[in-house]
């Protein structure tokens, strides 16, 4: 969902070679560079889930950054639009 400030929030579930390759660290670096908030975590099935909030352009830039990494191999991903979390201010790894 988009608010009046142009922010969106999306949940991504990534499949492929996404664990053990620095995915979460790269996500934190990309989020910091793009000025978005949210979180990222490894899942027991080998996938990675990320919720990210910011401008549409910034969210797209984070995904593009992850796709360019030489070790990360995203084979597929699911995307869900979410309501904004107005309390969230940073991007972090959750366990």
N, C-alpha and C. Protein backbone atom coordinates (compact mmCIF):
# COMPACT_ATOMS: atom_id res chain seq x y z
N UNK A 1 0.83 -1.17 0.00
CA UNK A 1 0.00 0.00 0.00
C UNK A 1 0.89 1.25 0.00
N UNK A 2 0.45 2.26 -0.64
CA UNK A 2 1.21 3.50 -0.75
C UNK A 2 0.52 4.56 0.10
N UNK A 3 1.32 5.38 0.78
CA UNK A 3 0.72 6.46 1.56
C UNK A 3 0.94 7.79 0.84
N UNK A 4 0.50 8.85 1.45
CA UNK A 4 0.59 10.16 0.81
C UNK A 4 2.03 10.63 0.62
N UNK A 5 2.98 10.07 1.36
CA UNK A 5 4.39 10.43 1.21
C UNK A 5 5.08 9.60 0.13
N UNK A 6 4.33 8.73 -0.53
CA UNK A 6 4.91 7.92 -1.60
C UNK A 6 5.61 6.67 -1.12
N UNK A 7 5.49 6.35 0.17
CA UNK A 7 6.15 5.15 0.68
C UNK A 7 5.29 3.92 0.44
N UNK A 8 5.98 2.81 0.24
CA UNK A 8 5.33 1.51 0.12
C UNK A 8 6.01 0.55 1.08
N UNK A 9 5.36 -0.57 1.37
CA UNK A 9 5.95 -1.64 2.17
C UNK A 9 5.66 -2.95 1.45
N UNK A 10 6.71 -3.74 1.29
CA UNK A 10 6.55 -5.03 0.61
C UNK A 10 7.28 -6.12 1.39
N UNK A 11 6.69 -7.32 1.31
CA UNK A 11 7.36 -8.51 1.83
C UNK A 11 7.85 -9.30 0.63
N UNK A 12 9.12 -9.67 0.68
CA UNK A 12 9.72 -10.51 -0.35
C UNK A 12 10.15 -11.81 0.30
N UNK A 13 9.92 -12.91 -0.39
CA UNK A 13 10.48 -14.20 0.00
C UNK A 13 11.35 -14.63 -1.17
N UNK A 14 12.65 -14.79 -0.91
CA UNK A 14 13.63 -15.11 -1.93
C UNK A 14 14.00 -16.59 -1.86
N UNK A 15 14.10 -17.21 -3.03
CA UNK A 15 14.49 -18.61 -3.14
C UNK A 15 15.70 -18.70 -4.06
N UNK A 16 16.54 -19.67 -3.82
CA UNK A 16 17.74 -19.87 -4.62
C UNK A 16 18.93 -20.02 -3.70
N UNK A 17 20.07 -19.53 -4.12
CA UNK A 17 21.28 -19.53 -3.29
C UNK A 17 21.27 -18.22 -2.52
N UNK A 18 20.53 -18.22 -1.41
CA UNK A 18 20.31 -16.98 -0.67
C UNK A 18 20.72 -17.08 0.81
N UNK A 19 21.15 -18.26 1.24
CA UNK A 19 21.68 -18.40 2.60
C UNK A 19 23.13 -18.83 2.52
N UNK A 20 23.93 -18.32 3.44
CA UNK A 20 25.35 -18.65 3.46
C UNK A 20 26.16 -17.90 2.42
N UNK A 21 25.60 -16.84 1.86
CA UNK A 21 26.28 -16.07 0.81
C UNK A 21 26.33 -14.57 1.13
N UNK A 22 26.03 -14.21 2.38
CA UNK A 22 26.06 -12.80 2.77
C UNK A 22 24.82 -12.02 2.41
N UNK A 23 23.72 -12.71 2.14
CA UNK A 23 22.49 -12.03 1.71
C UNK A 23 22.03 -11.01 2.75
N UNK A 24 21.94 -11.42 4.01
CA UNK A 24 21.42 -10.49 5.03
C UNK A 24 22.34 -9.30 5.21
N UNK A 25 23.64 -9.52 5.19
CA UNK A 25 24.60 -8.42 5.33
C UNK A 25 24.46 -7.47 4.15
N UNK A 26 24.35 -8.02 2.94
CA UNK A 26 24.18 -7.17 1.75
C UNK A 26 22.87 -6.41 1.80
N UNK A 27 21.81 -7.05 2.32
CA UNK A 27 20.52 -6.37 2.43
C UNK A 27 20.62 -5.18 3.37
N UNK A 28 21.32 -5.34 4.48
CA UNK A 28 21.51 -4.23 5.42
C UNK A 28 22.29 -3.10 4.76
N UNK A 29 23.34 -3.44 4.03
CA UNK A 29 24.15 -2.42 3.35
C UNK A 29 23.32 -1.67 2.30
N UNK A 30 22.55 -2.42 1.50
CA UNK A 30 21.72 -1.80 0.47
C UNK A 30 20.63 -0.93 1.08
N UNK A 31 20.00 -1.43 2.14
CA UNK A 31 18.94 -0.66 2.81
C UNK A 31 19.49 0.64 3.37
N UNK A 32 20.67 0.57 3.96
CA UNK A 32 21.28 1.77 4.52
C UNK A 32 21.59 2.78 3.41
N UNK A 33 22.13 2.32 2.31
CA UNK A 33 22.48 3.20 1.19
C UNK A 33 21.23 3.81 0.56
N UNK A 34 20.12 3.08 0.56
CA UNK A 34 18.90 3.54 -0.10
C UNK A 34 17.93 4.24 0.84
N UNK A 35 18.22 4.24 2.15
CA UNK A 35 17.38 4.95 3.11
C UNK A 35 16.03 4.32 3.36
N UNK A 36 15.97 2.98 3.38
CA UNK A 36 14.71 2.28 3.65
C UNK A 36 14.75 1.65 5.03
N UNK A 37 13.59 1.24 5.51
CA UNK A 37 13.50 0.55 6.79
C UNK A 37 12.92 -0.84 6.55
N UNK A 38 13.01 -1.69 7.58
CA UNK A 38 12.46 -3.03 7.48
C UNK A 38 13.33 -4.04 8.19
N UNK A 39 13.26 -5.28 7.72
CA UNK A 39 14.03 -6.36 8.33
C UNK A 39 14.24 -7.48 7.33
N UNK A 40 15.19 -8.35 7.66
CA UNK A 40 15.50 -9.52 6.83
C UNK A 40 15.83 -10.68 7.76
N UNK A 41 15.44 -11.92 7.36
CA UNK A 41 15.77 -13.10 8.18
C UNK A 41 15.85 -14.34 7.30
N UNK A 42 16.69 -15.28 7.73
CA UNK A 42 16.76 -16.59 7.12
C UNK A 42 15.58 -17.42 7.60
N UNK A 43 15.08 -18.28 6.72
CA UNK A 43 14.00 -19.19 7.07
C UNK A 43 14.53 -20.63 7.09
N UNK A 44 13.84 -21.49 7.80
CA UNK A 44 14.28 -22.88 7.95
C UNK A 44 14.28 -23.66 6.64
N UNK A 45 13.49 -23.25 5.67
CA UNK A 45 13.42 -23.97 4.40
C UNK A 45 14.50 -23.54 3.41
N UNK A 46 15.43 -22.65 3.83
CA UNK A 46 16.51 -22.19 2.97
C UNK A 46 16.21 -20.90 2.23
N UNK A 47 15.01 -20.38 2.40
CA UNK A 47 14.65 -19.10 1.77
C UNK A 47 15.04 -17.96 2.71
N UNK A 48 14.89 -16.74 2.22
CA UNK A 48 15.11 -15.54 3.02
C UNK A 48 13.87 -14.66 2.86
N UNK A 49 13.35 -14.15 3.99
CA UNK A 49 12.22 -13.24 3.98
C UNK A 49 12.71 -11.84 4.32
N UNK A 50 12.19 -10.85 3.60
CA UNK A 50 12.55 -9.46 3.86
C UNK A 50 11.29 -8.61 3.75
N UNK A 51 11.08 -7.74 4.73
CA UNK A 51 10.07 -6.69 4.62
C UNK A 51 10.83 -5.38 4.51
N UNK A 52 10.43 -4.58 3.54
CA UNK A 52 11.15 -3.35 3.26
C UNK A 52 10.15 -2.23 2.99
N UNK A 53 10.48 -1.05 3.49
CA UNK A 53 9.58 0.10 3.40
C UNK A 53 10.36 1.34 2.97
N UNK A 54 9.84 2.03 1.98
CA UNK A 54 10.46 3.26 1.49
C UNK A 54 9.78 3.66 0.19
N UNK A 55 10.42 4.53 -0.54
CA UNK A 55 9.86 4.91 -1.84
C UNK A 55 9.93 3.71 -2.78
N UNK A 56 9.07 3.70 -3.78
CA UNK A 56 9.07 2.61 -4.77
C UNK A 56 10.46 2.49 -5.41
N UNK A 57 11.08 3.61 -5.70
CA UNK A 57 12.40 3.61 -6.34
C UNK A 57 13.46 3.02 -5.42
N UNK A 58 13.41 3.38 -4.12
CA UNK A 58 14.40 2.87 -3.17
C UNK A 58 14.23 1.37 -2.97
N UNK A 59 13.00 0.90 -2.87
CA UNK A 59 12.75 -0.54 -2.73
C UNK A 59 13.29 -1.28 -3.95
N UNK A 60 13.03 -0.77 -5.13
CA UNK A 60 13.54 -1.38 -6.36
C UNK A 60 15.06 -1.38 -6.40
N UNK A 61 15.68 -0.31 -5.90
CA UNK A 61 17.13 -0.21 -5.88
C UNK A 61 17.74 -1.28 -4.97
N UNK A 62 17.12 -1.55 -3.83
CA UNK A 62 17.62 -2.60 -2.93
C UNK A 62 17.57 -3.96 -3.64
N UNK A 63 16.47 -4.26 -4.29
CA UNK A 63 16.33 -5.54 -4.99
C UNK A 63 17.37 -5.64 -6.11
N UNK A 64 17.56 -4.57 -6.85
CA UNK A 64 18.56 -4.56 -7.92
C UNK A 64 19.96 -4.79 -7.36
N UNK A 65 20.27 -4.16 -6.23
CA UNK A 65 21.57 -4.34 -5.58
C UNK A 65 21.79 -5.81 -5.23
N UNK A 66 20.78 -6.45 -4.65
CA UNK A 66 20.90 -7.86 -4.27
C UNK A 66 21.07 -8.75 -5.50
N UNK A 67 20.40 -8.42 -6.58
CA UNK A 67 20.51 -9.21 -7.80
C UNK A 67 21.87 -9.10 -8.47
N UNK A 68 22.61 -8.04 -8.17
CA UNK A 68 23.93 -7.83 -8.79
C UNK A 68 25.07 -8.49 -8.02
N UNK A 69 24.81 -8.95 -6.80
CA UNK A 69 25.87 -9.56 -6.00
C UNK A 69 26.38 -10.83 -6.68
N UNK A 70 27.67 -11.03 -6.63
CA UNK A 70 28.25 -12.18 -7.33
C UNK A 70 27.98 -13.51 -6.66
N UNK A 71 27.64 -13.53 -5.38
CA UNK A 71 27.42 -14.79 -4.67
C UNK A 71 25.93 -15.11 -4.51
N UNK A 72 25.10 -14.11 -4.46
CA UNK A 72 23.66 -14.33 -4.29
C UNK A 72 23.06 -14.74 -5.64
N UNK A 73 22.27 -15.82 -5.63
CA UNK A 73 21.59 -16.28 -6.84
C UNK A 73 20.10 -16.41 -6.52
N UNK A 74 19.34 -15.36 -6.80
CA UNK A 74 17.90 -15.39 -6.58
C UNK A 74 17.26 -16.11 -7.76
N UNK A 75 16.68 -17.27 -7.50
CA UNK A 75 16.03 -18.06 -8.56
C UNK A 75 14.58 -17.61 -8.76
N UNK A 76 13.93 -17.28 -7.65
CA UNK A 76 12.56 -16.77 -7.73
C UNK A 76 12.26 -16.01 -6.45
N UNK A 77 11.18 -15.22 -6.49
CA UNK A 77 10.77 -14.50 -5.29
C UNK A 77 9.28 -14.26 -5.33
N UNK A 78 8.69 -14.25 -4.15
CA UNK A 78 7.29 -13.91 -3.98
C UNK A 78 7.22 -12.51 -3.40
N UNK A 79 6.26 -11.73 -3.83
CA UNK A 79 6.12 -10.35 -3.36
C UNK A 79 4.70 -10.12 -2.89
N UNK A 80 4.58 -9.50 -1.71
CA UNK A 80 3.27 -9.16 -1.15
C UNK A 80 3.29 -7.71 -0.72
N UNK A 81 2.27 -6.94 -1.09
CA UNK A 81 2.15 -5.56 -0.62
C UNK A 81 1.56 -5.56 0.78
N UNK A 82 2.08 -4.72 1.65
CA UNK A 82 1.67 -4.64 3.05
C UNK A 82 1.29 -3.22 3.42
N UNK A 83 0.63 -3.09 4.55
CA UNK A 83 0.36 -1.78 5.14
C UNK A 83 1.68 -1.22 5.68
N UNK A 84 1.82 0.10 5.68
CA UNK A 84 3.01 0.73 6.23
C UNK A 84 3.11 0.52 7.73
N UNK A 85 4.33 0.42 8.22
CA UNK A 85 4.61 0.37 9.65
C UNK A 85 5.15 1.75 10.03
N UNK A 86 4.31 2.60 10.57
CA UNK A 86 4.70 3.98 10.84
C UNK A 86 5.67 4.11 12.01
N UNK A 87 5.85 3.06 12.79
CA UNK A 87 6.76 3.09 13.94
C UNK A 87 8.19 2.69 13.56
N UNK A 88 8.36 2.09 12.44
CA UNK A 88 9.66 1.54 12.06
C UNK A 88 10.60 2.64 11.55
N UNK A 89 11.84 2.60 12.00
CA UNK A 89 12.80 3.64 11.62
C UNK A 89 14.10 3.11 11.00
N UNK A 90 14.40 1.83 11.20
CA UNK A 90 15.69 1.29 10.73
C UNK A 90 15.48 -0.01 9.98
N UNK A 91 16.57 -0.56 9.48
CA UNK A 91 16.56 -1.86 8.81
C UNK A 91 17.49 -2.76 9.59
N UNK A 92 17.04 -3.97 9.90
CA UNK A 92 17.83 -4.84 10.75
C UNK A 92 17.67 -6.30 10.35
N UNK A 93 18.58 -7.11 10.84
CA UNK A 93 18.49 -8.56 10.72
C UNK A 93 17.72 -9.06 11.92
N UNK A 94 16.72 -9.91 11.70
CA UNK A 94 15.98 -10.52 12.80
C UNK A 94 16.25 -12.01 12.78
N UNK A 95 16.17 -12.62 13.94
CA UNK A 95 16.47 -14.05 14.08
C UNK A 95 15.27 -14.80 14.57
